[in-house]
C-alpha atoms as a PDB file:
ATOM      1  CA  UNK A   1      10.111  93.110  37.687  1.00  0.00           C
ATOM      2  CA  UNK A   2      10.230  94.259  33.684  1.00  0.00           C
ATOM      3  CA  UNK A   3      13.984  95.003  32.338  1.00  0.00           C
ATOM      4  CA  UNK A   4      12.334  98.038  30.721  1.00  0.00           C
ATOM      5  CA  UNK A   5       9.143  99.627  32.848  1.00  0.00           C
ATOM      6  CA  UNK A   6       6.651 100.485  30.183  1.00  0.00           C
ATOM      7  CA  UNK A   7       4.855 102.634  32.776  1.00  0.00           C
ATOM      8  CA  UNK A   8       7.946 104.851  32.928  1.00  0.00           C
ATOM      9  CA  UNK A   9       7.544 106.405  29.551  1.00  0.00           C
ATOM     10  CA  UNK A  10       8.132 110.032  29.555  1.00  0.00           C
ATOM     11  CA  UNK A  11       7.798 112.257  26.423  1.00  0.00           C
ATOM     12  CA  UNK A  12      10.842 114.268  25.639  1.00  0.00           C
ATOM     13  CA  UNK A  13       9.952 115.554  22.016  1.00  0.00           C
ATOM     14  CA  UNK A  14       7.393 116.165  19.710  1.00  0.00           C
ATOM     15  CA  UNK A  15       7.392 117.733  16.388  1.00  0.00           C
ATOM     16  CA  UNK A  16       6.067 117.791  13.053  1.00  0.00           C
ATOM     17  CA  UNK A  17       6.924 119.848   9.815  1.00  0.00           C
ATOM     18  CA  UNK A  18       5.761 120.528   6.318  1.00  0.00           C
ATOM     19  CA  UNK A  19       7.460 121.704   3.218  1.00  0.00           C
ATOM     20  CA  UNK A  20       4.912 123.489   0.905  1.00  0.00           C
ATOM     21  CA  UNK A  21       6.102 124.343  -2.720  1.00  0.00           C
ATOM     22  CA  UNK A  22       5.809 127.863  -2.565  1.00  0.00           C
ATOM     23  CA  UNK A  23       8.075 130.851  -2.427  1.00  0.00           C
ATOM     24  CA  UNK A  24       8.812 132.514   1.019  1.00  0.00           C
ATOM     25  CA  UNK A  25      10.612 135.750   2.264  1.00  0.00           C
ATOM     26  CA  UNK A  26      10.791 137.166   5.927  1.00  0.00           C
ATOM     27  CA  UNK A  27       8.734 140.337   5.794  1.00  0.00           C
ATOM     28  CA  UNK A  28       8.054 142.390   8.989  1.00  0.00           C
ATOM     29  CA  UNK A  29       4.555 143.259   8.348  1.00  0.00           C
ATOM     30  CA  UNK A  30       3.499 139.639   7.279  1.00  0.00           C
ATOM     31  CA  UNK A  31       5.553 138.267  10.205  1.00  0.00           C
ATOM     32  CA  UNK A  32       3.645 140.549  12.623  1.00  0.00           C
ATOM     33  CA  UNK A  33       0.194 139.550  11.138  1.00  0.00           C
ATOM     34  CA  UNK A  34       1.376 135.775  11.332  1.00  0.00           C
ATOM     35  CA  UNK A  35       2.259 136.584  15.283  1.00  0.00           C
ATOM     36  CA  UNK A  36      -1.234 137.817  15.686  1.00  0.00           C
ATOM     37  CA  UNK A  37      -2.847 134.969  14.055  1.00  0.00           C
ATOM     38  CA  UNK A  38      -0.770 132.972  16.637  1.00  0.00           C
ATOM     39  CA  UNK A  39      -1.990 134.725  19.374  1.00  0.00           C
ATOM     40  CA  UNK A  40      -5.562 134.660  18.271  1.00  0.00           C
ATOM     41  CA  UNK A  41      -5.282 130.897  18.262  1.00  0.00           C
ATOM     42  CA  UNK A  42      -4.263 130.902  21.463  1.00  0.00           C
ATOM     43  CA  UNK A  43      -0.435 130.650  21.011  1.00  0.00           C
ATOM     44  CA  UNK A  44       1.566 133.347  22.803  1.00  0.00           C
ATOM     45  CA  UNK A  45       5.287 133.466  22.380  1.00  0.00           C
ATOM     46  CA  UNK A  46       8.137 135.434  24.464  1.00  0.00           C
ATOM     47  CA  UNK A  47      10.841 135.219  21.964  1.00  0.00           C
ATOM     48  CA  UNK A  48      11.048 135.947  18.288  1.00  0.00           C
ATOM     49  CA  UNK A  49      14.145 135.834  15.994  1.00  0.00           C
ATOM     50  CA  UNK A  50      14.233 136.809  12.161  1.00  0.00           C
ATOM     51  CA  UNK A  51      16.558 136.462   9.490  1.00  0.00           C
ATOM     52  CA  UNK A  52      16.286 136.989   5.970  1.00  0.00           C
ATOM     53  CA  UNK A  53      15.110 133.147   5.168  1.00  0.00           C
ATOM     54  CA  UNK A  54      13.368 132.289   8.597  1.00  0.00           C
ATOM     55  CA  UNK A  55      11.214 133.507  11.303  1.00  0.00           C
ATOM     56  CA  UNK A  56      11.071 131.683  14.369  1.00  0.00           C
ATOM     57  CA  UNK A  57       9.029 132.125  17.452  1.00  0.00           C
ATOM     58  CA  UNK A  58       9.988 130.592  21.052  1.00  0.00           C
ATOM     59  CA  UNK A  59       8.239 130.318  24.267  1.00  0.00           C
ATOM     60  CA  UNK A  60       9.552 128.336  27.665  1.00  0.00           C
ATOM     61  CA  UNK A  61       5.913 128.478  29.440  1.00  0.00           C
ATOM     62  CA  UNK A  62       3.658 126.667  30.027  1.00  0.00           C
ATOM     63  CA  UNK A  63       5.467 124.248  27.754  1.00  0.00           C
ATOM     64  CA  UNK A  64       8.499 124.385  25.680  1.00  0.00           C
ATOM     65  CA  UNK A  65       7.217 125.439  22.089  1.00  0.00           C
ATOM     66  CA  UNK A  66       9.175 126.569  18.873  1.00  0.00           C
ATOM     67  CA  UNK A  67       7.139 127.648  15.500  1.00  0.00           C
ATOM     68  CA  UNK A  68       9.374 128.285  12.840  1.00  0.00           C
ATOM     69  CA  UNK A  69       8.721 129.508   9.183  1.00  0.00           C
ATOM     70  CA  UNK A  70      11.708 129.369   6.398  1.00  0.00           C
ATOM     71  CA  UNK A  71      12.565 129.247   2.822  1.00  0.00           C
ATOM     72  CA  UNK A  72      15.080 126.203   2.771  1.00  0.00           C
ATOM     73  CA  UNK A  73      15.423 126.436  -1.173  1.00  0.00           C
ATOM     74  CA  UNK A  74      14.014 128.384  -3.777  1.00  0.00           C
ATOM     75  CA  UNK A  75      10.488 128.008  -4.316  1.00  0.00           C
ATOM     76  CA  UNK A  76       9.949 125.827  -1.025  1.00  0.00           C
ATOM     77  CA  UNK A  77       8.771 126.938   2.437  1.00  0.00           C
ATOM     78  CA  UNK A  78       8.061 125.105   5.525  1.00  0.00           C
ATOM     79  CA  UNK A  79       6.775 125.366   9.032  1.00  0.00           C
ATOM     80  CA  UNK A  80       8.102 123.366  11.862  1.00  0.00           C
ATOM     81  CA  UNK A  81       6.740 123.104  15.107  1.00  0.00           C
ATOM     82  CA  UNK A  82       8.472 121.544  18.085  1.00  0.00           C
ATOM     83  CA  UNK A  83       7.865 120.864  21.719  1.00  0.00           C
ATOM     84  CA  UNK A  84      11.402 119.648  23.438  1.00  0.00           C
ATOM     85  CA  UNK A  85      11.013 119.012  26.076  1.00  0.00           C
ATOM     86  CA  UNK A  86       7.324 119.286  26.452  1.00  0.00           C
ATOM     87  CA  UNK A  87       5.418 119.761  29.699  1.00  0.00           C
ATOM     88  CA  UNK A  88       2.319 118.159  28.217  1.00  0.00           C
ATOM     89  CA  UNK A  89       1.106 115.002  26.494  1.00  0.00           C
ATOM     90  CA  UNK A  90       0.840 114.381  22.997  1.00  0.00           C
ATOM     91  CA  UNK A  91      -3.102 115.645  22.678  1.00  0.00           C
ATOM     92  CA  UNK A  92      -1.920 119.293  23.761  1.00  0.00           C
ATOM     93  CA  UNK A  93       0.915 119.399  21.437  1.00  0.00           C
ATOM     94  CA  UNK A  94      -1.628 118.296  18.473  1.00  0.00           C
ATOM     95  CA  UNK A  95      -3.945 120.860  19.818  1.00  0.00           C
ATOM     96  CA  UNK A  96      -1.119 123.637  19.520  1.00  0.00           C
ATOM     97  CA  UNK A  97       0.482 122.290  16.309  1.00  0.00           C
ATOM     98  CA  UNK A  98      -2.941 122.534  14.707  1.00  0.00           C
ATOM     99  CA  UNK A  99      -3.462 126.247  16.012  1.00  0.00           C
ATOM    100  CA  UNK A 100      -0.088 126.962  14.301  1.00  0.00           C
ATOM    101  CA  UNK A 101      -0.817 125.336  11.163  1.00  0.00           C
ATOM    102  CA  UNK A 102      -4.437 127.131  11.340  1.00  0.00           C
ATOM    103  CA  UNK A 103      -2.376 130.270  11.679  1.00  0.00           C
ATOM    104  CA  UNK A 104      -0.475 129.690   8.609  1.00  0.00           C
ATOM    105  CA  UNK A 105      -3.256 129.495   6.588  1.00  0.00           C
ATOM    106  CA  UNK A 106      -4.928 132.652   8.166  1.00  0.00           C
ATOM    107  CA  UNK A 107      -1.858 134.464   7.239  1.00  0.00           C
ATOM    108  CA  UNK A 108      -0.665 133.007   3.882  1.00  0.00           C
ATOM    109  CA  UNK A 109      -3.765 132.632   2.011  1.00  0.00           C
ATOM    110  CA  UNK A 110      -2.580 130.937  -1.182  1.00  0.00           C
ATOM    111  CA  UNK A 111      -6.191 129.402  -1.973  1.00  0.00           C
ATOM    112  CA  UNK A 112      -4.594 125.722  -2.093  1.00  0.00           C
ATOM    113  CA  UNK A 113      -1.422 124.261  -0.673  1.00  0.00           C
ATOM    114  CA  UNK A 114       1.061 121.893  -2.601  1.00  0.00           C
ATOM    115  CA  UNK A 115       2.845 120.088   0.362  1.00  0.00           C
ATOM    116  CA  UNK A 116       6.077 118.485  -0.982  1.00  0.00           C
ATOM    117  CA  UNK A 117       6.994 116.366   2.204  1.00  0.00           C
ATOM    118  CA  UNK A 118       5.842 116.102   5.602  1.00  0.00           C
ATOM    119  CA  UNK A 119       7.822 114.536   8.477  1.00  0.00           C
ATOM    120  CA  UNK A 120       7.192 113.944  12.225  1.00  0.00           C
ATOM    121  CA  UNK A 121       9.360 112.812  15.156  1.00  0.00           C
ATOM    122  CA  UNK A 122       8.379 111.520  18.803  1.00  0.00           C
ATOM    123  CA  UNK A 123      11.263 110.479  21.550  1.00  0.00           C
ATOM    124  CA  UNK A 124      10.400 108.661  24.633  1.00  0.00           C
ATOM    125  CA  UNK A 125      12.340 108.116  27.746  1.00  0.00           C
ATOM    126  CA  UNK A 126      12.048 104.541  29.664  1.00  0.00           C
ATOM    127  CA  UNK A 127      13.685 103.470  32.913  1.00  0.00           C
ATOM    128  CA  UNK A 128      15.894 100.363  32.809  1.00  0.00           C
ATOM    129  CA  UNK A 129      16.555  97.958  35.893  1.00  0.00           C
ATOM    130  CA  UNK A 130      20.193  97.908  34.481  1.00  0.00           C
ATOM    131  CA  UNK A 131      22.370  99.668  32.295  1.00  0.00           C
ATOM    132  CA  UNK A 132      20.378 100.341  29.108  1.00  0.00           C
ATOM    133  CA  UNK A 133      22.955  99.546  26.733  1.00  0.00           C
ATOM    134  CA  UNK A 134      23.740  96.277  28.855  1.00  0.00           C
ATOM    135  CA  UNK A 135      19.893  95.680  28.240  1.00  0.00           C
ATOM    136  CA  UNK A 136      20.163  96.239  24.640  1.00  0.00           C
ATOM    137  CA  UNK A 137      23.272  94.172  23.581  1.00  0.00           C
ATOM    138  CA  UNK A 138      22.991  91.608  25.980  1.00  0.00           C
ATOM    139  CA  UNK A 139      19.203  90.719  26.536  1.00  0.00           C
ATOM    140  CA  UNK A 140      17.762  92.300  23.435  1.00  0.00           C
ATOM    141  CA  UNK A 141      20.575  91.020  20.732  1.00  0.00           C
ATOM    142  CA  UNK A 142      21.669  88.222  22.826  1.00  0.00           C
ATOM    143  CA  UNK A 143      25.125  89.408  22.516  1.00  0.00           C
ATOM    144  CA  UNK A 144      28.204  89.200  24.629  1.00  0.00           C
ATOM    145  CA  UNK A 145      30.183  92.043  26.601  1.00  0.00           C
ATOM    146  CA  UNK A 146      33.105  89.964  25.491  1.00  0.00           C
ATOM    147  CA  UNK A 147      32.569  90.877  22.102  1.00  0.00           C
ATOM    148  CA  UNK A 148      34.245  94.402  22.766  1.00  0.00           C
ATOM    149  CA  UNK A 149      37.656  93.027  23.702  1.00  0.00           C
ATOM    150  CA  UNK A 150      38.654  93.511  20.115  1.00  0.00           C
ATOM    151  CA  UNK A 151      38.085  97.223  20.444  1.00  0.00           C
ATOM    152  CA  UNK A 152      40.639  97.625  23.277  1.00  0.00           C
ATOM    153  CA  UNK A 153      40.526  97.341  27.372  1.00  0.00           C
ATOM    154  CA  UNK A 154      38.142 100.292  27.638  1.00  0.00           C
ATOM    155  CA  UNK A 155      34.467  99.618  28.975  1.00  0.00           C
ATOM    156  CA  UNK A 156      31.635 100.595  26.715  1.00  0.00           C
ATOM    157  CA  UNK A 157      29.796 103.533  28.430  1.00  0.00           C
ATOM    158  CA  UNK A 158      26.704 103.480  26.006  1.00  0.00           C
ATOM    159  CA  UNK A 159      25.686 103.210  22.709  1.00  0.00           C
ATOM    160  CA  UNK A 160      22.489 101.919  20.820  1.00  0.00           C
ATOM    161  CA  UNK A 161      20.825 100.734  17.357  1.00  0.00           C
ATOM    162  CA  UNK A 162      19.444 102.834  14.262  1.00  0.00           C
ATOM    163  CA  UNK A 163      16.964 101.500  11.575  1.00  0.00           C
ATOM    164  CA  UNK A 164      15.970 103.243   8.361  1.00  0.00           C
ATOM    165  CA  UNK A 165      13.163 101.605   6.721  1.00  0.00           C
ATOM    166  CA  UNK A 166      11.969 103.065   3.139  1.00  0.00           C
ATOM    167  CA  UNK A 167       8.531 103.958   2.300  1.00  0.00           C
ATOM    168  CA  UNK A 168       6.380 100.704   1.848  1.00  0.00           C
ATOM    169  CA  UNK A 169       2.746 100.627   0.458  1.00  0.00           C
ATOM    170  CA  UNK A 170       0.408  99.453   2.879  1.00  0.00           C
ATOM    171  CA  UNK A 171      -3.640  99.187   2.199  1.00  0.00           C
ATOM    172  CA  UNK A 172      -5.412 102.123   3.473  1.00  0.00           C
ATOM    173  CA  UNK A 173      -2.410 104.266   4.514  1.00  0.00           C
ATOM    174  CA  UNK A 174       0.014 106.748   2.981  1.00  0.00           C
ATOM    175  CA  UNK A 175       3.312 105.602   2.320  1.00  0.00           C
ATOM    176  CA  UNK A 176       5.999 106.755   4.744  1.00  0.00           C
ATOM    177  CA  UNK A 177       9.599 105.856   5.732  1.00  0.00           C
ATOM    178  CA  UNK A 178      10.486 104.934   9.516  1.00  0.00           C
ATOM    179  CA  UNK A 179      13.676 105.747  11.194  1.00  0.00           C
ATOM    180  CA  UNK A 180      14.295 104.449  14.623  1.00  0.00           C
ATOM    181  CA  UNK A 181      16.776 105.480  17.089  1.00  0.00           C
ATOM    182  CA  UNK A 182      17.383 103.228  20.461  1.00  0.00           C
ATOM    183  CA  UNK A 183      20.349 104.373  22.702  1.00  0.00           C
ATOM    184  CA  UNK A 184      21.190 104.519  26.322  1.00  0.00           C
ATOM    185  CA  UNK A 185      21.683 107.904  27.754  1.00  0.00           C
ATOM    186  CA  UNK A 186      25.233 108.623  28.598  1.00  0.00           C
ATOM    187  CA  UNK A 187      24.408 110.960  31.587  1.00  0.00           C
ATOM    188  CA  UNK A 188      21.728 108.594  32.635  1.00  0.00           C
ATOM    189  CA  UNK A 189      22.799 105.070  31.986  1.00  0.00           C
ATOM    190  CA  UNK A 190      19.741 103.622  33.210  1.00  0.00           C
ATOM    191  CA  UNK A 191      17.397 105.427  30.933  1.00  0.00           C
ATOM    192  CA  UNK A 192      16.835 104.308  27.330  1.00  0.00           C
ATOM    193  CA  UNK A 193      16.136 106.892  24.525  1.00  0.00           C
ATOM    194  CA  UNK A 194      13.513 105.465  21.948  1.00  0.00           C
ATOM    195  CA  UNK A 195      13.366 108.061  18.849  1.00  0.00           C
ATOM    196  CA  UNK A 196      10.690 107.120  16.297  1.00  0.00           C
ATOM    197  CA  UNK A 197      10.320 109.447  13.138  1.00  0.00           C
ATOM    198  CA  UNK A 198       7.970 109.247   9.923  1.00  0.00           C
ATOM    199  CA  UNK A 199       8.507 110.885   6.907  1.00  0.00           C
ATOM    200  CA  UNK A 200       5.610 111.193   4.377  1.00  0.00           C
ATOM    201  CA  UNK A 201       7.577 111.647   0.931  1.00  0.00           C
ATOM    202  CA  UNK A 202       4.698 111.635  -1.523  1.00  0.00           C
ATOM    203  CA  UNK A 203       3.366 115.189  -2.476  1.00  0.00           C
ATOM    204  CA  UNK A 204      -0.079 116.145  -2.094  1.00  0.00           C
ATOM    205  CA  UNK A 205      -2.441 118.943  -2.844  1.00  0.00           C
ATOM    206  CA  UNK A 206      -4.341 120.271   0.077  1.00  0.00           C
ATOM    207  CA  UNK A 207      -7.545 121.972  -1.398  1.00  0.00           C
ATOM    208  CA  UNK A 208      -8.970 125.473  -0.519  1.00  0.00           C
ATOM    209  CA  UNK A 209     -11.010 124.861   2.906  1.00  0.00           C
ATOM    210  CA  UNK A 210      -9.238 122.046   4.145  1.00  0.00           C
ATOM    211  CA  UNK A 211      -6.793 121.977   6.849  1.00  0.00           C
ATOM    212  CA  UNK A 212      -3.393 120.404   7.346  1.00  0.00           C
ATOM    213  CA  UNK A 213      -3.820 117.178   9.546  1.00  0.00           C
ATOM    214  CA  UNK A 214      -1.080 117.254  12.178  1.00  0.00           C
ATOM    215  CA  UNK A 215      -3.561 115.156  14.474  1.00  0.00           C
ATOM    216  CA  UNK A 216      -3.821 112.354  12.248  1.00  0.00           C
ATOM    217  CA  UNK A 217      -0.465 111.892  11.483  1.00  0.00           C
ATOM    218  CA  UNK A 218       1.074 112.448  15.066  1.00  0.00           C
ATOM    219  CA  UNK A 219      -1.544 109.732  16.201  1.00  0.00           C
ATOM    220  CA  UNK A 220      -0.321 107.439  13.918  1.00  0.00           C
ATOM    221  CA  UNK A 221       3.140 107.930  14.687  1.00  0.00           C
ATOM    222  CA  UNK A 222       2.338 107.449  18.479  1.00  0.00           C
ATOM    223  CA  UNK A 223       0.696 104.237  18.042  1.00  0.00           C
ATOM    224  CA  UNK A 224       3.427 103.021  16.177  1.00  0.00           C
ATOM    225  CA  UNK A 225       6.212 103.798  18.806  1.00  0.00           C
ATOM    226  CA  UNK A 226       4.049 102.631  21.373  1.00  0.00           C
ATOM    227  CA  UNK A 227       3.226  99.481  20.142  1.00  0.00           C
ATOM    228  CA  UNK A 228       5.216  98.079  17.366  1.00  0.00           C
ATOM    229  CA  UNK A 229       8.475  99.619  18.647  1.00  0.00           C
ATOM    230  CA  UNK A 230       7.638  98.680  22.084  1.00  0.00           C
ATOM    231  CA  UNK A 231       7.275  95.046  20.922  1.00  0.00           C
ATOM    232  CA  UNK A 232      10.503  94.958  19.449  1.00  0.00           C
ATOM    233  CA  UNK A 233      12.191  96.848  22.084  1.00  0.00           C
ATOM    234  CA  UNK A 234      11.217  94.104  24.787  1.00  0.00           C
ATOM    235  CA  UNK A 235      11.474  91.069  22.396  1.00  0.00           C
ATOM    236  CA  UNK A 236      14.588  89.686  24.072  1.00  0.00           C
ATOM    237  CA  UNK A 237      16.420  87.046  22.115  1.00  0.00           C
ATOM    238  CA  UNK A 238      16.434  83.493  23.339  1.00  0.00           C
ATOM    239  CA  UNK A 239      19.574  81.795  24.456  1.00  0.00           C
END
């Protein structure tokens, strides 16, 4: 039996956000228009929260979903779409993220959009036959539990790995940076959390009539998380 069960993969976080070069301020009438546009696209929310610099809509059923508009800096606005934890697969999150960005474009009709940055994140949970950190430290990295003696007599309850890889030019692909976090869950030590995040830092212009593309970005991220990251995770060190 495999030390990490690939079939046990469960998605616990989906998110995508866009930073846009435009001013934004919370306006009650426009917020209502945005909420109506969301409803027209099939997204209904049970809670809203308004501050001078943000407008957040949340729900828990049929799956957790949050859509947030904000102004993090002067002449910069953002739309954040998060499902954590989701009660559905990535395909359904893509559908709802697309509905949210469509509603944004229906409400804020600026013709074209100067996107400064885009980021997306996916978290998966996997089941481990033994303590997940023990697998990472001893099997994947080939290290000894005796290495921790210099830290004192206490046992190591958990831990993990984190990697940050800068943008890299790849033929046919938009440059993006990659962040990986792989760690055992403290409350469930036989669970391994694998977080994969992409950041596309290169600004681009979205012409009038074109839509945001959460589907392409999230699908690319999911493929990397379930192929390259999985291969890294299970490539045990010999000896």
